[in-house]
Each structure stands twice: as structure tokens, then as C-alpha cells.
Amino acid sequence: MPTVIRARPSVPLSRAPQKANDGQLVSIALFCGIGLLISLVAVMFGEQGSWH
């Protein structure tokens, strides 16, 4: 007869802290996206002096 093993997580899962982390993730993603866009524009226009 098969035995069923059920494991309970030691830390209870809640959605409240994840909502706070979502705001941080969005702000970091926007910051990185803006930085990548600025870098792309600088490379396209051949701005060499602004990197040093």
C-alpha cells in the first residue's frame, strides 16, 4: 500500500510581505530600464566622452 508523505512548510506563507516586495521590484526594474535606455541612446549617438 502506498504511503503518502505530506510536508508542511516551516515558515507560514503570507501575501502581505510579497506586496511590499513587488513595489521594490517595480522601482528597481524602472531604474534599470531607464539606465539601459540612456546607455543605448548614448551608444547610438556615439557619445564617447561621457563614459570617462
Protein backbone atom coordinates (compact mmCIF):
# COMPACT_ATOMS: atom_id res chain seq x y z
CA MET A 1 0.00 0.00 0.00
CA PRO A 2 1.49 3.40 -0.97
CA THR A 3 2.38 5.82 1.78
CA VAL A 4 1.58 9.50 1.43
CA ILE A 5 4.08 11.91 2.96
CA ARG A 6 2.88 15.45 3.50
CA ALA A 7 5.44 18.12 4.26
CA ARG A 8 4.33 21.36 5.85
CA PRO A 9 6.45 24.45 5.32
CA SER A 10 8.16 25.62 8.49
CA VAL A 11 7.52 29.25 7.59
CA PRO A 12 3.90 30.19 7.03
CA LEU A 13 3.22 31.60 3.60
CA SER A 14 1.60 35.02 3.57
CA ARG A 15 0.92 37.50 0.81
CA ALA A 16 1.45 40.71 2.81
CA PRO A 17 5.28 40.84 2.62
CA GLN A 18 5.22 39.91 -1.05
CA LYS A 19 3.14 43.00 -1.85
CA ALA A 20 5.84 45.18 -0.28
CA ASN A 21 8.50 43.38 -2.33
CA ASP A 22 6.52 43.98 -5.52
CA GLY A 23 6.89 47.74 -5.09
CA GLN A 24 10.63 47.39 -4.64
CA LEU A 25 10.89 45.17 -7.69
CA VAL A 26 8.99 47.65 -9.84
CA SER A 27 11.21 50.55 -8.75
CA ILE A 28 14.39 48.55 -9.41
CA ALA A 29 13.09 47.42 -12.81
CA LEU A 30 12.25 51.02 -13.78
CA PHE A 31 15.67 52.25 -12.64
CA CYS A 32 17.46 49.55 -14.65
CA GLY A 33 15.26 50.11 -17.69
CA ILE A 34 15.92 53.85 -17.70
CA GLY A 35 19.65 53.24 -17.32
CA LEU A 36 19.66 50.78 -20.22
CA LEU A 37 17.71 53.20 -22.39
CA ILE A 38 20.16 56.03 -21.65
CA SER A 39 23.09 53.72 -22.40
CA LEU A 40 21.53 52.62 -25.68
CA VAL A 41 20.92 56.20 -26.77
CA ALA A 42 24.50 57.15 -25.84
CA VAL A 43 25.92 54.24 -27.83
CA MET A 44 23.70 55.01 -30.83
CA PHE A 45 24.82 58.63 -30.93
CA GLY A 46 28.47 57.70 -30.40
CA GLU A 47 28.98 59.58 -27.12
CA GLN A 48 32.50 58.55 -26.16
CA GLY A 49 33.48 61.31 -23.74
CA SER A 50 30.62 60.89 -21.28
CA TRP A 51 31.83 57.47 -20.13
CA HIS A 52 35.11 58.72 -18.61
